[in-house]
Protein backbone atom coordinates (compact mmCIF):
# COMPACT_ATOMS: atom_id res chain seq x y z
CA UNK A 1 0.45 0.14 0.16
CA UNK A 2 1.16 3.62 -0.85
CA UNK A 3 -1.55 5.55 0.46
CA UNK A 4 0.26 8.28 1.10
CA UNK A 5 0.94 8.83 -2.34
CA UNK A 6 -3.01 8.67 -3.22
CA UNK A 7 -3.15 11.16 -0.49
CA UNK A 8 -1.45 14.18 -2.45
CA UNK A 9 -3.23 12.95 -5.75
CA UNK A 10 -6.53 13.83 -3.53
CA UNK A 11 -7.86 17.69 -4.72
CA UNK A 12 -7.46 19.83 -1.82
CA UNK A 13 -11.10 20.91 -0.34
CA UNK A 14 -12.22 22.23 3.01
CA UNK A 15 -11.37 21.06 6.12
CA UNK A 16 -12.94 17.44 7.05
CA UNK A 17 -12.84 15.16 9.53
CA UNK A 18 -9.64 13.31 10.02
CA UNK A 19 -11.71 9.67 9.80
CA UNK A 20 -13.75 11.39 6.69
CA UNK A 21 -10.10 11.98 5.39
CA UNK A 22 -8.86 8.00 5.84
CA UNK A 23 -12.05 7.34 4.30
CA UNK A 24 -11.71 9.09 1.46
CA UNK A 25 -8.28 8.03 0.83
CA UNK A 26 -8.84 4.30 1.03
CA UNK A 27 -12.50 5.08 -1.17
CA UNK A 28 -9.79 6.64 -3.82
CA UNK A 29 -7.11 4.30 -3.22
CA UNK A 30 -9.78 1.34 -3.70
CA UNK A 31 -11.51 2.84 -6.76
CA UNK A 32 -8.60 3.25 -8.51
CA UNK A 33 -7.52 -0.34 -7.85
CA UNK A 34 -4.86 0.70 -5.96
CA UNK A 35 -6.12 -1.78 -3.06
CA UNK A 36 -7.65 -5.23 -4.84
CA UNK A 37 -10.22 -7.52 -4.32
CA UNK A 38 -9.78 -9.15 -1.03
CA UNK A 39 -6.42 -6.99 -0.05
CA UNK A 40 -6.41 -6.80 3.45
CA UNK A 41 -6.27 -3.92 5.02
CA UNK A 42 -4.29 -3.72 8.87
CA UNK A 43 -5.52 -0.93 10.71
CA UNK A 44 -1.94 -0.26 12.01
CA UNK A 45 -0.18 -0.12 7.94
CA UNK A 46 -3.11 2.16 7.20
CA UNK A 47 -2.45 4.26 10.51
CA UNK A 48 1.47 4.61 10.06
CA UNK A 49 1.02 6.12 6.29
CA UNK A 50 -1.57 8.25 6.92
CA UNK A 51 -0.05 9.76 10.42
CA UNK A 52 -2.71 9.35 11.89
CA UNK A 53 -4.60 7.46 15.12
CA UNK A 54 -6.12 4.36 15.16
CA UNK A 55 -9.63 5.22 16.14
CA UNK A 56 -10.28 7.28 12.76
CA UNK A 57 -8.50 3.94 11.01
CA UNK A 58 -11.59 1.94 12.68
CA UNK A 59 -14.28 4.52 12.05
CA UNK A 60 -13.02 5.26 8.10
CA UNK A 61 -13.68 1.05 7.50
CA UNK A 62 -16.49 0.88 9.14
CA UNK A 63 -18.00 3.69 6.99
CA UNK A 64 -16.68 1.71 3.55
CA UNK A 65 -18.01 -1.29 4.92
CA UNK A 66 -21.28 0.28 4.99
CA UNK A 67 -20.74 1.51 1.47
CA UNK A 68 -19.92 -2.46 0.24
CA UNK A 69 -16.13 -1.49 -0.42
CA UNK A 70 -14.91 -3.10 3.05
CA UNK A 71 -15.52 -6.63 3.92
CA UNK A 72 -14.79 -7.44 7.85
CA UNK A 73 -13.58 -11.80 7.09
CA UNK A 74 -13.56 -14.21 10.53
CA UNK A 75 -9.34 -14.13 11.05
CA UNK A 76 -8.34 -11.59 8.71
CA UNK A 77 -10.08 -9.08 9.98
CA UNK A 78 -10.78 -5.27 7.71
CA UNK A 79 -10.12 -6.46 3.51
CA UNK A 80 -11.49 -5.15 0.51
CA UNK A 81 -14.33 -6.99 -1.06
CA UNK A 82 -14.76 -8.43 -4.01
CA UNK A 83 -17.64 -9.03 -6.39
CA UNK A 84 -18.45 -12.08 -7.85
CA UNK A 85 -19.85 -11.92 -11.39
CA UNK A 86 -22.81 -12.55 -10.15
CA UNK A 87 -23.45 -10.12 -7.66
CA UNK A 88 -21.83 -7.61 -10.44
CA UNK A 89 -24.76 -8.19 -12.94
CA UNK A 90 -27.53 -7.97 -10.19
CA UNK A 91 -25.75 -4.80 -8.65
CA UNK A 92 -26.06 -3.61 -12.89
CA UNK A 93 -29.91 -4.97 -12.69
CA UNK A 94 -30.56 -2.86 -9.84
CA UNK A 95 -28.74 0.40 -11.26
CA UNK A 96 -31.01 0.11 -14.40
CA UNK A 97 -33.92 0.08 -12.24
CA UNK A 98 -32.76 3.15 -10.40
CA UNK A 99 -31.24 4.95 -13.07
CA UNK A 100 -33.69 4.47 -15.67
CA UNK A 101 -36.48 6.02 -13.19
CA UNK A 102 -34.46 9.43 -12.94
CA UNK A 103 -33.66 9.79 -16.98
CA UNK A 104 -37.09 9.68 -17.75
CA UNK A 105 -38.03 12.08 -15.50
CA UNK A 106 -35.03 14.25 -15.67
CA UNK A 107 -35.39 13.71 -20.15
CA UNK A 108 -38.49 16.30 -18.98
CA UNK A 109 -37.05 18.97 -17.97
CA UNK A 110 -33.52 18.58 -17.95
CA UNK A 111 -32.47 22.86 -18.10
CA UNK A 112 -30.36 23.37 -21.09
CA UNK A 113 -27.10 24.44 -19.32
CA UNK A 114 -26.32 20.72 -17.87
CA UNK A 115 -27.40 19.38 -20.85
CA UNK A 116 -24.31 21.62 -22.65
CA UNK A 117 -22.66 20.36 -19.08
CA UNK A 118 -23.09 16.92 -20.68
CA UNK A 119 -22.35 17.01 -23.79
CA UNK A 120 -18.58 18.85 -22.88
CA UNK A 121 -18.05 15.55 -20.62
CA UNK A 122 -18.88 13.21 -23.43
CA UNK A 123 -16.16 15.29 -25.74
CA UNK A 124 -13.49 15.15 -23.16
CA UNK A 125 -14.17 11.83 -22.58
CA UNK A 126 -13.87 11.11 -26.44
CA UNK A 127 -10.26 13.02 -26.32
CA UNK A 128 -8.61 11.30 -23.13
CA UNK A 129 -6.43 8.77 -23.48
CA UNK A 130 -6.36 7.70 -19.77
CA UNK A 131 -8.68 5.32 -18.57
CA UNK A 132 -9.07 6.48 -15.33
CA UNK A 133 -9.72 9.98 -16.17
CA UNK A 134 -12.37 8.85 -19.16
CA UNK A 135 -13.82 7.25 -16.50
CA UNK A 136 -14.34 10.26 -14.48
CA UNK A 137 -15.61 12.06 -17.42
CA UNK A 138 -18.33 9.44 -17.47
CA UNK A 139 -19.80 9.39 -13.75
CA UNK A 140 -19.58 13.78 -14.54
CA UNK A 141 -21.95 12.60 -17.93
CA UNK A 142 -24.42 10.21 -15.75
CA UNK A 143 -24.24 12.78 -12.89
CA UNK A 144 -25.36 15.50 -15.13
CA UNK A 145 -28.04 13.91 -16.96
CA UNK A 146 -29.50 12.43 -14.10
CA UNK A 147 -30.41 16.09 -12.22
CA UNK A 148 -30.42 14.54 -8.81
CA UNK A 149 -29.24 17.58 -7.18
CA UNK A 150 -32.84 18.01 -5.51
CA UNK A 151 -32.75 14.04 -4.72
CA UNK A 152 -30.23 13.60 -2.24
CA UNK A 153 -31.78 10.07 -1.46
CA UNK A 154 -31.16 8.98 -4.93
CA UNK A 155 -28.03 10.15 -5.76
CA UNK A 156 -26.54 8.48 -2.38
CA UNK A 157 -28.34 5.04 -3.56
CA UNK A 158 -26.63 5.17 -7.33
CA UNK A 159 -23.62 6.94 -6.08
CA UNK A 160 -23.49 3.64 -3.67
CA UNK A 161 -23.57 1.11 -6.33
CA UNK A 162 -21.57 3.02 -9.05
CA UNK A 163 -18.68 3.01 -6.22
CA UNK A 164 -18.91 -0.95 -5.71
CA UNK A 165 -18.03 -1.98 -9.35
CA UNK A 166 -16.81 1.06 -10.95
CA UNK A 167 -13.35 0.09 -9.87
CA UNK A 168 -13.68 -3.22 -11.81
CA UNK A 169 -13.26 -1.58 -14.58
CA UNK A 170 -10.25 0.23 -14.47
CA UNK A 171 -8.69 -3.52 -12.64
CA UNK A 172 -9.44 -5.81 -16.02
CA UNK A 173 -8.57 -2.60 -18.19
CA UNK A 174 -12.16 -2.52 -19.94
CA UNK A 175 -12.48 1.45 -20.39
CA UNK A 176 -10.04 2.81 -23.42
CA UNK A 177 -11.26 -1.23 -25.10
CA UNK A 178 -14.98 -0.17 -25.01
CA UNK A 179 -14.46 3.16 -25.34
CA UNK A 180 -16.12 3.61 -28.89
CA UNK A 181 -19.55 1.57 -28.00
CA UNK A 182 -20.18 3.50 -24.79
CA UNK A 183 -19.57 6.88 -26.97
CA UNK A 184 -22.09 6.09 -29.01
CA UNK A 185 -24.35 5.11 -26.36
CA UNK A 186 -23.68 8.24 -24.39
CA UNK A 187 -24.34 10.07 -27.73
CA UNK A 188 -27.30 8.68 -28.46
CA UNK A 189 -28.49 8.69 -25.24
CA UNK A 190 -27.95 12.51 -25.00
CA UNK A 191 -29.38 12.72 -28.05
CA UNK A 192 -33.21 11.30 -26.21
CA UNK A 193 -32.69 13.82 -23.76
CA UNK A 194 -32.50 16.58 -25.25
CA UNK A 195 -35.69 15.58 -27.50
CA UNK A 196 -37.06 15.22 -24.20
CA UNK A 197 -38.36 12.00 -24.75
CA UNK A 198 -37.50 10.14 -21.57
CA UNK A 199 -39.04 6.49 -22.73
CA UNK A 200 -36.19 6.30 -25.05
CA UNK A 201 -33.35 7.63 -23.70
CA UNK A 202 -34.40 4.77 -20.87
CA UNK A 203 -34.69 2.13 -23.26
CA UNK A 204 -31.00 3.23 -24.56
CA UNK A 205 -29.99 3.85 -21.12
CA UNK A 206 -30.72 0.14 -20.18
CA UNK A 207 -29.57 -1.51 -23.11
CA UNK A 208 -26.05 0.53 -22.57
CA UNK A 209 -26.20 -0.78 -18.49
CA UNK A 210 -27.05 -4.39 -19.68
CA UNK A 211 -24.38 -4.80 -22.63
CA UNK A 212 -21.93 -3.02 -19.20
CA UNK A 213 -22.82 -5.61 -16.92
CA UNK A 214 -22.08 -8.51 -19.20
CA UNK A 215 -19.04 -7.45 -20.44
CA UNK A 216 -18.05 -6.58 -16.90
CA UNK A 217 -19.72 -9.28 -15.02
CA UNK A 218 -17.65 -11.78 -18.34
CA UNK A 219 -14.30 -10.06 -17.75
CA UNK A 220 -14.49 -10.66 -13.80
CA UNK A 221 -15.60 -14.86 -14.83
CA UNK A 222 -12.40 -15.35 -17.21
CA UNK A 223 -9.92 -14.17 -14.59
CA UNK A 224 -11.22 -16.00 -12.01
CA UNK A 225 -10.77 -19.02 -14.34
CA UNK A 226 -7.41 -18.24 -15.02
CA UNK A 227 -6.50 -17.28 -11.51
CA UNK A 228 -3.48 -19.33 -9.82
CA UNK A 229 -4.50 -21.40 -7.20
């Protein structure tokens, strides 16, 4: 683990409680693949690298456990959560229910300014050659078109599910490999929203998520089959 390096790459922000800072660093390390699925998370090492006491580390791990990113295992303590192919498919099924509902509603009244920002995110994604950067633009695009500023509970649910699976795209090296398909689907989705066609936008998004679920679950399945031991 090199959590101090992850910490320096995070954007500066307002002062937060120590356990929130620890959770943010661990969350970023998991999302970017610096911490792998099933990897142990020893509290002593985390506290030492981030120059904090054990108490905020313990609180941060509990927070990440509630988000589905950390698991406590007998005789091993805290580890990074690992998802099976079946769990990945299930998460995408739930995402499809929530996200199609969000986009169907947003398509009717999404402000033109947000649509223009969403298009800007697509322009940036299509020009970027880094998988992590492409993923960040992708997340921001989806957040914009769901228009969840006034729906904090739905935002929390959607963001939580995304965090559970998003790291696997980087780990498996899939983002850039399938970017042409995803970019094309994103453009079609944005066009439907601009036309205020909620049902069409929802159908495009549902197909987009179903395709992503199949790609990701299959890749994880193949990785498990070829893993040593």
